[in-house]
Amino acid sequence: MSNQPASTPTAAGAELRLSLRIRPMRLDDLPQVSVIDRLSFNLPWPESSFRYELLDNPRSLLRVAEIDLPGGGCQVVGAFVVWLILDEAHIATLAVHPDHRRSGVARSLMVDLLKEIIPQGTRLATLEVRESNVPAQSLYHRFRFSVVGRRLRYYHDNYEDALIMSLDNLDGAYLDWLERGGWHEGDAA
């Protein structure tokens, strides 16, 4: 788990940069995670799915991004679920609360995710993303994911295609690139 700096020039961003933490998801996070998922996706996961992944799927990796609130306490502002299958990782979901998008939360989640799975022997990461979700695609491209396929009519709400994105050759060299902040290069995500 890490304290990844978010990069945004606003005062709110400066506060976020100082307080953002990535940590394992807990049961008491599920209500906030479910709200983020509902605000982020047309087809959100039910809270019971997150509960299953957290309690009953030993091959799931679940993390949240949280910030300190000015009056005390914390707020979950992002989360991911990754399925670890032999030497592959499938990013099942990654979401950031709309009020905290474009402030580095998703990038911090991705950095934490990749830094955790590579030392465990993961060599390939995959995900599906809506064809229309250009901001998410930009984020994944920043981390060297590439489009390797398409799932036709994948999303049942509007039958939009999903792009299959993949990142292979996850190894020490990629981890070094990640540690050096190579993902900072390119367009803002």
N, C-alpha and C. Protein backbone atom coordinates (compact mmCIF):
# COMPACT_ATOMS: atom_id res chain seq x y z
N MET A 1 0.85 -1.16 0.00
CA MET A 1 0.00 0.00 0.00
C MET A 1 0.89 1.21 0.00
N SER A 2 0.36 2.28 -0.56
CA SER A 2 1.25 3.41 -0.75
C SER A 2 0.52 4.72 -0.56
N ASN A 3 1.30 5.73 -0.37
CA ASN A 3 0.81 7.10 -0.39
C ASN A 3 1.32 7.69 -1.69
N GLN A 4 0.53 7.62 -2.73
CA GLN A 4 0.92 8.11 -4.03
C GLN A 4 0.48 9.56 -4.17
N PRO A 5 1.36 10.45 -4.60
CA PRO A 5 0.94 11.83 -4.78
C PRO A 5 0.05 11.97 -6.00
N ALA A 6 -1.01 12.72 -5.83
CA ALA A 6 -1.85 13.09 -6.96
C ALA A 6 -1.32 14.41 -7.48
N SER A 7 -1.43 14.64 -8.77
CA SER A 7 -0.86 15.86 -9.32
C SER A 7 -1.95 16.74 -9.91
N THR A 8 -2.26 17.79 -9.21
CA THR A 8 -3.20 18.78 -9.69
C THR A 8 -2.84 20.11 -9.07
N PRO A 9 -2.94 21.21 -9.81
CA PRO A 9 -2.47 22.48 -9.28
C PRO A 9 -3.45 23.19 -8.36
N THR A 10 -4.65 22.69 -8.19
CA THR A 10 -5.65 23.39 -7.39
C THR A 10 -5.38 23.21 -5.90
N ALA A 11 -5.96 24.09 -5.11
CA ALA A 11 -5.82 23.98 -3.66
C ALA A 11 -6.39 22.65 -3.18
N ALA A 12 -7.55 22.27 -3.72
CA ALA A 12 -8.14 20.98 -3.34
C ALA A 12 -7.22 19.85 -3.74
N GLY A 13 -6.57 19.96 -4.89
CA GLY A 13 -5.63 18.94 -5.35
C GLY A 13 -4.43 18.86 -4.45
N ALA A 14 -3.95 20.02 -3.95
CA ALA A 14 -2.81 20.01 -3.05
C ALA A 14 -3.17 19.27 -1.77
N GLU A 15 -4.39 19.49 -1.27
CA GLU A 15 -4.85 18.80 -0.08
C GLU A 15 -4.94 17.30 -0.35
N LEU A 16 -5.48 16.94 -1.51
CA LEU A 16 -5.60 15.53 -1.89
C LEU A 16 -4.23 14.89 -1.98
N ARG A 17 -3.28 15.59 -2.59
CA ARG A 17 -1.94 15.08 -2.78
C ARG A 17 -1.32 14.70 -1.43
N LEU A 18 -1.62 15.49 -0.39
CA LEU A 18 -1.03 15.23 0.92
C LEU A 18 -1.70 14.09 1.66
N SER A 19 -2.96 13.80 1.36
CA SER A 19 -3.68 12.85 2.21
C SER A 19 -4.09 11.55 1.52
N LEU A 20 -3.83 11.38 0.24
CA LEU A 20 -4.27 10.18 -0.46
C LEU A 20 -3.49 8.96 0.01
N ARG A 21 -4.23 7.92 0.37
CA ARG A 21 -3.64 6.64 0.77
C ARG A 21 -4.32 5.53 0.00
N ILE A 22 -3.54 4.54 -0.41
CA ILE A 22 -4.07 3.32 -1.01
C ILE A 22 -3.90 2.23 0.03
N ARG A 23 -4.98 1.51 0.32
CA ARG A 23 -4.92 0.48 1.35
C ARG A 23 -5.88 -0.65 0.98
N PRO A 24 -5.75 -1.81 1.65
CA PRO A 24 -6.68 -2.90 1.38
C PRO A 24 -8.12 -2.50 1.70
N MET A 25 -9.05 -2.96 0.87
CA MET A 25 -10.46 -2.72 1.11
C MET A 25 -10.90 -3.51 2.35
N ARG A 26 -11.80 -2.89 3.13
CA ARG A 26 -12.36 -3.52 4.32
C ARG A 26 -13.87 -3.60 4.17
N LEU A 27 -14.48 -4.44 4.97
CA LEU A 27 -15.94 -4.57 4.93
C LEU A 27 -16.64 -3.24 5.15
N ASP A 28 -16.14 -2.43 6.06
CA ASP A 28 -16.82 -1.15 6.33
C ASP A 28 -16.66 -0.14 5.20
N ASP A 29 -15.83 -0.45 4.19
CA ASP A 29 -15.70 0.41 3.00
C ASP A 29 -16.80 0.15 1.98
N LEU A 30 -17.47 -1.00 2.06
CA LEU A 30 -18.38 -1.42 1.00
C LEU A 30 -19.49 -0.41 0.69
N PRO A 31 -20.11 0.23 1.66
CA PRO A 31 -21.13 1.22 1.29
C PRO A 31 -20.55 2.36 0.42
N GLN A 32 -19.38 2.88 0.79
CA GLN A 32 -18.77 3.95 0.00
C GLN A 32 -18.33 3.44 -1.38
N VAL A 33 -17.76 2.25 -1.42
CA VAL A 33 -17.33 1.67 -2.70
C VAL A 33 -18.53 1.47 -3.61
N SER A 34 -19.64 1.00 -3.05
CA SER A 34 -20.85 0.79 -3.86
C SER A 34 -21.38 2.10 -4.41
N VAL A 35 -21.34 3.16 -3.63
CA VAL A 35 -21.77 4.47 -4.13
C VAL A 35 -20.89 4.91 -5.29
N ILE A 36 -19.58 4.78 -5.14
CA ILE A 36 -18.66 5.16 -6.22
C ILE A 36 -18.96 4.35 -7.48
N ASP A 37 -19.20 3.06 -7.31
CA ASP A 37 -19.48 2.20 -8.46
C ASP A 37 -20.78 2.63 -9.16
N ARG A 38 -21.81 2.94 -8.38
CA ARG A 38 -23.08 3.38 -8.97
C ARG A 38 -22.93 4.72 -9.70
N LEU A 39 -22.11 5.61 -9.15
CA LEU A 39 -21.88 6.91 -9.79
C LEU A 39 -21.00 6.80 -11.03
N SER A 40 -20.26 5.71 -11.13
CA SER A 40 -19.27 5.56 -12.20
C SER A 40 -19.73 4.72 -13.38
N PHE A 41 -20.63 3.78 -13.15
CA PHE A 41 -20.97 2.82 -14.19
C PHE A 41 -22.47 2.70 -14.40
N ASN A 42 -22.87 2.49 -15.64
CA ASN A 42 -24.27 2.22 -15.95
C ASN A 42 -24.69 0.84 -15.45
N LEU A 43 -23.73 -0.07 -15.35
CA LEU A 43 -23.98 -1.43 -14.86
C LEU A 43 -23.10 -1.68 -13.64
N PRO A 44 -23.44 -1.06 -12.50
CA PRO A 44 -22.58 -1.20 -11.32
C PRO A 44 -22.66 -2.59 -10.70
N TRP A 45 -21.61 -2.94 -9.98
CA TRP A 45 -21.63 -4.17 -9.22
C TRP A 45 -22.54 -3.98 -8.01
N PRO A 46 -23.30 -4.99 -7.64
CA PRO A 46 -24.03 -4.91 -6.36
C PRO A 46 -23.03 -5.02 -5.21
N GLU A 47 -23.38 -4.48 -4.08
CA GLU A 47 -22.50 -4.54 -2.91
C GLU A 47 -22.14 -5.99 -2.59
N SER A 48 -23.07 -6.91 -2.83
CA SER A 48 -22.81 -8.33 -2.54
C SER A 48 -21.65 -8.88 -3.37
N SER A 49 -21.43 -8.35 -4.57
CA SER A 49 -20.30 -8.80 -5.39
C SER A 49 -18.97 -8.36 -4.77
N PHE A 50 -18.92 -7.12 -4.31
CA PHE A 50 -17.71 -6.68 -3.62
C PHE A 50 -17.48 -7.50 -2.36
N ARG A 51 -18.56 -7.80 -1.63
CA ARG A 51 -18.46 -8.60 -0.41
C ARG A 51 -17.90 -9.98 -0.74
N TYR A 52 -18.41 -10.60 -1.82
CA TYR A 52 -17.90 -11.91 -2.23
C TYR A 52 -16.40 -11.84 -2.54
N GLU A 53 -16.01 -10.85 -3.33
CA GLU A 53 -14.59 -10.73 -3.69
C GLU A 53 -13.72 -10.53 -2.46
N LEU A 54 -14.21 -9.77 -1.51
CA LEU A 54 -13.45 -9.46 -0.31
C LEU A 54 -13.35 -10.67 0.63
N LEU A 55 -14.44 -11.41 0.79
CA LEU A 55 -14.48 -12.47 1.79
C LEU A 55 -14.25 -13.88 1.25
N ASP A 56 -14.67 -14.12 0.01
CA ASP A 56 -14.73 -15.50 -0.48
C ASP A 56 -13.85 -15.81 -1.68
N ASN A 57 -13.21 -14.83 -2.28
CA ASN A 57 -12.38 -15.11 -3.45
C ASN A 57 -10.92 -14.86 -3.07
N PRO A 58 -10.19 -15.92 -2.79
CA PRO A 58 -8.79 -15.74 -2.37
C PRO A 58 -7.89 -15.22 -3.49
N ARG A 59 -8.36 -15.21 -4.71
CA ARG A 59 -7.56 -14.73 -5.85
C ARG A 59 -7.90 -13.29 -6.23
N SER A 60 -8.64 -12.60 -5.37
CA SER A 60 -8.97 -11.20 -5.61
C SER A 60 -8.05 -10.29 -4.81
N LEU A 61 -7.71 -9.20 -5.44
CA LEU A 61 -6.94 -8.14 -4.80
C LEU A 61 -7.84 -6.90 -4.83
N LEU A 62 -8.18 -6.37 -3.67
CA LEU A 62 -9.08 -5.23 -3.57
C LEU A 62 -8.40 -4.11 -2.80
N ARG A 63 -8.42 -2.91 -3.36
CA ARG A 63 -7.82 -1.75 -2.73
C ARG A 63 -8.76 -0.57 -2.83
N VAL A 64 -8.62 0.35 -1.89
CA VAL A 64 -9.33 1.62 -1.96
C VAL A 64 -8.31 2.75 -1.87
N ALA A 65 -8.71 3.89 -2.42
CA ALA A 65 -7.98 5.14 -2.24
C ALA A 65 -8.82 5.96 -1.28
N GLU A 66 -8.18 6.46 -0.24
CA GLU A 66 -8.94 7.26 0.71
C GLU A 66 -8.19 8.56 1.01
N ILE A 67 -8.97 9.56 1.40
CA ILE A 67 -8.40 10.85 1.78
C ILE A 67 -8.90 11.21 3.18
N ASP A 68 -8.13 12.06 3.84
CA ASP A 68 -8.55 12.60 5.12
C ASP A 68 -9.53 13.74 4.86
N LEU A 69 -10.55 13.83 5.68
CA LEU A 69 -11.50 14.92 5.59
C LEU A 69 -11.07 16.06 6.51
N PRO A 70 -11.33 17.30 6.11
CA PRO A 70 -10.88 18.45 6.92
C PRO A 70 -11.32 18.41 8.38
N GLY A 71 -12.53 17.96 8.65
CA GLY A 71 -13.03 17.93 10.02
C GLY A 71 -12.69 16.65 10.77
N GLY A 72 -11.91 15.80 10.16
CA GLY A 72 -11.58 14.51 10.75
C GLY A 72 -12.29 13.39 10.00
N GLY A 73 -11.81 12.21 10.16
CA GLY A 73 -12.36 11.06 9.46
C GLY A 73 -11.74 10.92 8.07
N CYS A 74 -12.23 9.94 7.34
CA CYS A 74 -11.69 9.62 6.02
C CYS A 74 -12.83 9.39 5.04
N GLN A 75 -12.53 9.52 3.76
CA GLN A 75 -13.50 9.24 2.71
C GLN A 75 -12.84 8.38 1.65
N VAL A 76 -13.49 7.30 1.26
CA VAL A 76 -13.03 6.48 0.14
C VAL A 76 -13.38 7.23 -1.14
N VAL A 77 -12.39 7.43 -2.01
CA VAL A 77 -12.61 8.19 -3.25
C VAL A 77 -12.35 7.35 -4.50
N GLY A 78 -11.88 6.13 -4.32
CA GLY A 78 -11.63 5.26 -5.47
C GLY A 78 -11.39 3.84 -5.00
N ALA A 79 -11.48 2.90 -5.96
CA ALA A 79 -11.29 1.49 -5.61
C ALA A 79 -10.98 0.67 -6.86
N PHE A 80 -10.36 -0.48 -6.63
CA PHE A 80 -10.22 -1.44 -7.72
C PHE A 80 -10.37 -2.85 -7.19
N VAL A 81 -10.75 -3.74 -8.11
CA VAL A 81 -10.77 -5.19 -7.87
C VAL A 81 -10.00 -5.83 -9.01
N VAL A 82 -9.04 -6.67 -8.65
CA VAL A 82 -8.23 -7.39 -9.63
C VAL A 82 -8.31 -8.88 -9.31
N TRP A 83 -8.49 -9.67 -10.35
CA TRP A 83 -8.46 -11.12 -10.20
C TRP A 83 -7.09 -11.62 -10.63
N LEU A 84 -6.43 -12.38 -9.76
CA LEU A 84 -5.11 -12.94 -10.04
C LEU A 84 -5.29 -14.40 -10.44
N ILE A 85 -4.87 -14.71 -11.67
CA ILE A 85 -5.06 -16.04 -12.25
C ILE A 85 -3.71 -16.50 -12.79
N LEU A 86 -3.05 -17.38 -12.04
CA LEU A 86 -1.70 -17.84 -12.39
C LEU A 86 -0.79 -16.63 -12.57
N ASP A 87 -0.25 -16.41 -13.78
CA ASP A 87 0.65 -15.27 -13.99
C ASP A 87 -0.06 -14.09 -14.68
N GLU A 88 -1.40 -14.08 -14.59
CA GLU A 88 -2.18 -13.01 -15.19
C GLU A 88 -2.99 -12.28 -14.13
N ALA A 89 -3.24 -11.01 -14.40
CA ALA A 89 -4.12 -10.20 -13.56
C ALA A 89 -5.19 -9.60 -14.45
N HIS A 90 -6.44 -9.76 -14.06
CA HIS A 90 -7.53 -9.15 -14.80
C HIS A 90 -8.12 -8.03 -13.93
N ILE A 91 -8.05 -6.81 -14.43
CA ILE A 91 -8.62 -5.68 -13.70
C ILE A 91 -10.12 -5.72 -13.94
N ALA A 92 -10.83 -6.17 -12.91
CA ALA A 92 -12.27 -6.37 -13.03
C ALA A 92 -13.02 -5.05 -12.94
N THR A 93 -12.55 -4.15 -12.09
CA THR A 93 -13.17 -2.83 -11.98
C THR A 93 -12.19 -1.86 -11.35
N LEU A 94 -12.25 -0.63 -11.80
CA LEU A 94 -11.49 0.47 -11.24
C LEU A 94 -12.37 1.71 -11.38
N ALA A 95 -12.64 2.37 -10.27
CA ALA A 95 -13.53 3.53 -10.31
C ALA A 95 -13.07 4.59 -9.33
N VAL A 96 -13.34 5.85 -9.70
CA VAL A 96 -13.03 7.00 -8.86
C VAL A 96 -14.30 7.84 -8.72
N HIS A 97 -14.54 8.33 -7.52
CA HIS A 97 -15.70 9.18 -7.29
C HIS A 97 -15.64 10.38 -8.24
N PRO A 98 -16.77 10.76 -8.86
CA PRO A 98 -16.76 11.87 -9.82
C PRO A 98 -16.16 13.16 -9.28
N ASP A 99 -16.30 13.43 -7.99
CA ASP A 99 -15.74 14.65 -7.41
C ASP A 99 -14.23 14.64 -7.34
N HIS A 100 -13.61 13.49 -7.56
CA HIS A 100 -12.15 13.37 -7.41
C HIS A 100 -11.47 12.88 -8.69
N ARG A 101 -12.18 12.89 -9.78
CA ARG A 101 -11.57 12.49 -11.05
C ARG A 101 -10.61 13.57 -11.54
N ARG A 102 -9.65 13.12 -12.31
CA ARG A 102 -8.64 14.00 -12.91
C ARG A 102 -7.80 14.69 -11.85
N SER A 103 -7.66 14.03 -10.70
CA SER A 103 -6.81 14.56 -9.63
C SER A 103 -5.68 13.59 -9.27
N GLY A 104 -5.53 12.53 -10.07
CA GLY A 104 -4.45 11.57 -9.85
C GLY A 104 -4.84 10.33 -9.07
N VAL A 105 -6.09 10.22 -8.66
CA VAL A 105 -6.51 9.06 -7.88
C VAL A 105 -6.39 7.78 -8.70
N ALA A 106 -6.91 7.78 -9.92
CA ALA A 106 -6.84 6.58 -10.76
C ALA A 106 -5.39 6.21 -11.06
N ARG A 107 -4.57 7.20 -11.33
CA ARG A 107 -3.15 6.91 -11.58
C ARG A 107 -2.51 6.29 -10.34
N SER A 108 -2.83 6.82 -9.16
CA SER A 108 -2.27 6.26 -7.93
C SER A 108 -2.73 4.83 -7.72
N LEU A 109 -4.00 4.56 -8.00
CA LEU A 109 -4.50 3.19 -7.89
C LEU A 109 -3.76 2.27 -8.86
N MET A 110 -3.55 2.72 -10.09
CA MET A 110 -2.85 1.89 -11.08
C MET A 110 -1.41 1.62 -10.65
N VAL A 111 -0.72 2.64 -10.18
CA VAL A 111 0.66 2.44 -9.73
C VAL A 111 0.71 1.41 -8.61
N ASP A 112 -0.17 1.57 -7.63
CA ASP A 112 -0.20 0.64 -6.50
C ASP A 112 -0.50 -0.78 -6.98
N LEU A 113 -1.50 -0.91 -7.84
CA LEU A 113 -1.90 -2.21 -8.37
C LEU A 113 -0.71 -2.89 -9.04
N LEU A 114 -0.06 -2.18 -9.96
CA LEU A 114 1.03 -2.78 -10.73
C LEU A 114 2.24 -3.09 -9.85
N LYS A 115 2.55 -2.21 -8.91
CA LYS A 115 3.67 -2.47 -7.99
C LYS A 115 3.41 -3.69 -7.11
N GLU A 116 2.16 -3.98 -6.86
CA GLU A 116 1.84 -5.12 -6.01
C GLU A 116 1.83 -6.43 -6.79
N ILE A 117 1.31 -6.42 -8.01
CA ILE A 117 1.15 -7.69 -8.73
C ILE A 117 2.43 -8.18 -9.41
N ILE A 118 3.31 -7.29 -9.83
CA ILE A 118 4.51 -7.73 -10.54
C ILE A 118 5.42 -8.59 -9.65
N PRO A 119 5.72 -8.17 -8.43
CA PRO A 119 6.57 -9.03 -7.58
C PRO A 119 5.93 -10.38 -7.25
N GLN A 120 4.61 -10.49 -7.41
CA GLN A 120 3.93 -11.77 -7.17
C GLN A 120 4.02 -12.71 -8.37
N GLY A 121 4.67 -12.27 -9.44
CA GLY A 121 4.84 -13.13 -10.60
C GLY A 121 3.88 -12.86 -11.74
N THR A 122 3.10 -11.81 -11.65
CA THR A 122 2.18 -11.48 -12.74
C THR A 122 2.98 -10.98 -13.93
N ARG A 123 2.69 -11.52 -15.11
CA ARG A 123 3.40 -11.14 -16.33
C ARG A 123 2.49 -10.48 -17.35
N LEU A 124 1.16 -10.59 -17.15
CA LEU A 124 0.19 -10.05 -18.09
C LEU A 124 -0.98 -9.47 -17.31
N ALA A 125 -1.41 -8.27 -17.70
CA ALA A 125 -2.60 -7.65 -17.11
C ALA A 125 -3.58 -7.36 -18.24
N THR A 126 -4.86 -7.61 -17.99
CA THR A 126 -5.89 -7.37 -19.00
C THR A 126 -7.08 -6.65 -18.35
N LEU A 127 -7.91 -6.08 -19.21
CA LEU A 127 -9.13 -5.42 -18.76
C LEU A 127 -10.02 -5.20 -19.97
N GLU A 128 -11.28 -4.87 -19.69
CA GLU A 128 -12.21 -4.42 -20.73
C GLU A 128 -12.60 -2.99 -20.39
N VAL A 129 -12.77 -2.18 -21.43
CA VAL A 129 -13.18 -0.79 -21.25
C VAL A 129 -14.15 -0.43 -22.36
N ARG A 130 -15.14 0.38 -22.02
CA ARG A 130 -16.10 0.81 -23.05
C ARG A 130 -15.37 1.55 -24.17
N GLU A 131 -15.81 1.28 -25.38
CA GLU A 131 -15.22 1.95 -26.54
C GLU A 131 -15.33 3.47 -26.41
N SER A 132 -16.40 3.96 -25.78
CA SER A 132 -16.61 5.40 -25.64
C SER A 132 -15.87 6.01 -24.45
N ASN A 133 -15.27 5.21 -23.60
CA ASN A 133 -14.63 5.73 -22.39
C ASN A 133 -13.18 6.13 -22.69
N VAL A 134 -13.05 7.22 -23.40
CA VAL A 134 -11.73 7.69 -23.83
C VAL A 134 -10.85 8.09 -22.64
N PRO A 135 -11.37 8.75 -21.61
CA PRO A 135 -10.49 9.06 -20.47
C PRO A 135 -9.87 7.81 -19.83
N ALA A 136 -10.65 6.75 -19.67
CA ALA A 136 -10.09 5.52 -19.09
C ALA A 136 -9.06 4.91 -20.04
N GLN A 137 -9.34 4.91 -21.33
CA GLN A 137 -8.38 4.38 -22.29
C GLN A 137 -7.07 5.16 -22.22
N SER A 138 -7.17 6.48 -22.08
CA SER A 138 -5.98 7.32 -21.97
C SER A 138 -5.15 6.93 -20.74
N LEU A 139 -5.84 6.70 -19.63
CA LEU A 139 -5.15 6.26 -18.41
C LEU A 139 -4.40 4.96 -18.67
N TYR A 140 -5.07 3.99 -19.27
CA TYR A 140 -4.44 2.70 -19.49
C TYR A 140 -3.29 2.79 -20.50
N HIS A 141 -3.45 3.60 -21.53
CA HIS A 141 -2.35 3.80 -22.48
C HIS A 141 -1.14 4.40 -21.77
N ARG A 142 -1.37 5.29 -20.84
CA ARG A 142 -0.29 5.92 -20.08
C ARG A 142 0.58 4.85 -19.40
N PHE A 143 -0.03 3.75 -19.00
CA PHE A 143 0.69 2.67 -18.34
C PHE A 143 1.12 1.58 -19.32
N ARG A 144 1.04 1.88 -20.62
CA ARG A 144 1.50 1.01 -21.72
C ARG A 144 0.56 -0.14 -22.05
N PHE A 145 -0.69 -0.05 -21.63
CA PHE A 145 -1.68 -1.02 -22.11
C PHE A 145 -1.94 -0.72 -23.59
N SER A 146 -2.27 -1.75 -24.33
CA SER A 146 -2.64 -1.56 -25.74
C SER A 146 -3.92 -2.35 -26.03
N VAL A 147 -4.64 -1.90 -27.03
CA VAL A 147 -5.87 -2.59 -27.44
C VAL A 147 -5.47 -3.84 -28.20
N VAL A 148 -5.98 -4.99 -27.74
CA VAL A 148 -5.64 -6.26 -28.38
C VAL A 148 -6.87 -6.98 -28.93
N GLY A 149 -8.04 -6.43 -28.70
CA GLY A 149 -9.24 -7.08 -29.20
C GLY A 149 -10.48 -6.28 -28.86
N ARG A 150 -11.62 -6.87 -29.18
CA ARG A 150 -12.91 -6.22 -28.99
C ARG A 150 -13.94 -7.28 -28.64
N ARG A 151 -14.78 -6.96 -27.67
CA ARG A 151 -15.92 -7.83 -27.35
C ARG A 151 -17.16 -7.11 -27.86
N LEU A 152 -17.75 -7.66 -28.91
CA LEU A 152 -18.90 -7.02 -29.54
C LEU A 152 -20.11 -7.03 -28.61
N ARG A 153 -20.77 -5.88 -28.53
CA ARG A 153 -22.03 -5.73 -27.78
C ARG A 153 -21.89 -6.25 -26.34
N TYR A 154 -20.77 -6.00 -25.73
CA TYR A 154 -20.42 -6.52 -24.41
C TYR A 154 -21.27 -5.94 -23.30
N TYR A 155 -21.55 -4.64 -23.38
CA TYR A 155 -22.28 -3.97 -22.30
C TYR A 155 -23.77 -4.04 -22.57
N HIS A 156 -24.51 -4.64 -21.64
CA HIS A 156 -25.92 -4.95 -21.86
C HIS A 156 -26.86 -3.76 -21.75
N ASP A 157 -26.38 -2.64 -21.21
CA ASP A 157 -27.28 -1.49 -21.09
C ASP A 157 -27.50 -0.82 -22.44
N ASN A 158 -26.47 -0.78 -23.29
CA ASN A 158 -26.61 -0.14 -24.60
C ASN A 158 -25.92 -0.94 -25.72
N TYR A 159 -25.45 -2.13 -25.39
CA TYR A 159 -24.79 -3.04 -26.34
C TYR A 159 -23.55 -2.43 -26.98
N GLU A 160 -22.90 -1.57 -26.22
CA GLU A 160 -21.64 -0.99 -26.68
C GLU A 160 -20.55 -2.05 -26.66
N ASP A 161 -19.62 -1.94 -27.59
CA ASP A 161 -18.47 -2.85 -27.62
C ASP A 161 -17.52 -2.52 -26.47
N ALA A 162 -16.82 -3.54 -26.01
CA ALA A 162 -15.72 -3.36 -25.06
C ALA A 162 -14.42 -3.55 -25.80
N LEU A 163 -13.48 -2.69 -25.53
CA LEU A 163 -12.12 -2.90 -26.02
C LEU A 163 -11.38 -3.74 -24.99
N ILE A 164 -10.67 -4.75 -25.46
CA ILE A 164 -9.83 -5.55 -24.59
C ILE A 164 -8.45 -4.92 -24.63
N MET A 165 -7.97 -4.53 -23.46
CA MET A 165 -6.64 -3.92 -23.38
C MET A 165 -5.74 -4.84 -22.57
N SER A 166 -4.50 -4.88 -22.96
CA SER A 166 -3.56 -5.80 -22.35
C SER A 166 -2.21 -5.12 -22.15
N LEU A 167 -1.52 -5.55 -21.12
CA LEU A 167 -0.16 -5.11 -20.82
C LEU A 167 0.64 -6.37 -20.53
N ASP A 168 1.60 -6.66 -21.41
CA ASP A 168 2.38 -7.86 -21.18
C ASP A 168 3.82 -7.50 -20.86
N ASN A 169 4.63 -8.49 -20.68
CA ASN A 169 6.03 -8.31 -20.31
C ASN A 169 6.19 -7.54 -19.00
N LEU A 170 5.31 -7.82 -18.05
CA LEU A 170 5.45 -7.22 -16.73
C LEU A 170 6.63 -7.91 -16.06
N ASP A 171 7.68 -7.15 -15.84
CA ASP A 171 8.90 -7.72 -15.29
C ASP A 171 9.65 -6.63 -14.53
N GLY A 172 10.87 -6.94 -14.17
CA GLY A 172 11.69 -5.99 -13.42
C GLY A 172 11.92 -4.69 -14.17
N ALA A 173 12.10 -4.76 -15.48
CA ALA A 173 12.33 -3.54 -16.26
C ALA A 173 11.09 -2.64 -16.22
N TYR A 174 9.90 -3.26 -16.34
CA TYR A 174 8.67 -2.46 -16.25
C TYR A 174 8.52 -1.88 -14.86
N LEU A 175 8.81 -2.66 -13.83
CA LEU A 175 8.72 -2.18 -12.46
C LEU A 175 9.68 -1.01 -12.24
N ASP A 176 10.90 -1.09 -12.80
CA ASP A 176 11.84 0.03 -12.72
C ASP A 176 11.27 1.27 -13.39
N TRP A 177 10.67 1.09 -14.59
CA TRP A 177 10.06 2.20 -15.31
C TRP A 177 8.95 2.83 -14.46
N LEU A 178 8.16 1.97 -13.83
CA LEU A 178 7.07 2.44 -12.97
C LEU A 178 7.63 3.22 -11.78
N GLU A 179 8.65 2.68 -11.15
CA GLU A 179 9.27 3.34 -9.99
C GLU A 179 9.88 4.69 -10.37
N ARG A 180 10.43 4.79 -11.58
CA ARG A 180 11.01 6.06 -12.06
C ARG A 180 9.95 7.07 -12.45
N GLY A 181 8.69 6.65 -12.47
CA GLY A 181 7.61 7.56 -12.84
C GLY A 181 7.46 7.73 -14.34
N GLY A 182 7.85 6.73 -15.12
CA GLY A 182 7.71 6.80 -16.57
C GLY A 182 6.29 7.05 -17.02
N TRP A 183 5.34 6.67 -16.19
CA TRP A 183 3.92 6.87 -16.50
C TRP A 183 3.52 8.34 -16.44
N HIS A 184 4.38 9.21 -15.90
CA HIS A 184 4.09 10.66 -15.89
C HIS A 184 4.13 11.25 -17.28
N GLU A 185 4.85 10.59 -18.18
CA GLU A 185 5.01 11.10 -19.55
C GLU A 185 3.68 11.00 -20.30
N GLY A 186 3.51 11.81 -21.30
CA GLY A 186 2.32 11.73 -22.14
C GLY A 186 1.22 12.66 -21.68
N ASP A 187 0.04 12.46 -22.24
CA ASP A 187 -1.08 13.37 -21.98
C ASP A 187 -1.60 13.19 -20.55
N ALA A 188 -2.29 14.19 -20.08
CA ALA A 188 -2.87 14.13 -18.72
C ALA A 188 -3.99 13.11 -18.68
N ALA A 189 -3.98 12.31 -17.64
CA ALA A 189 -5.04 11.30 -17.48
C ALA A 189 -5.56 11.36 -16.07
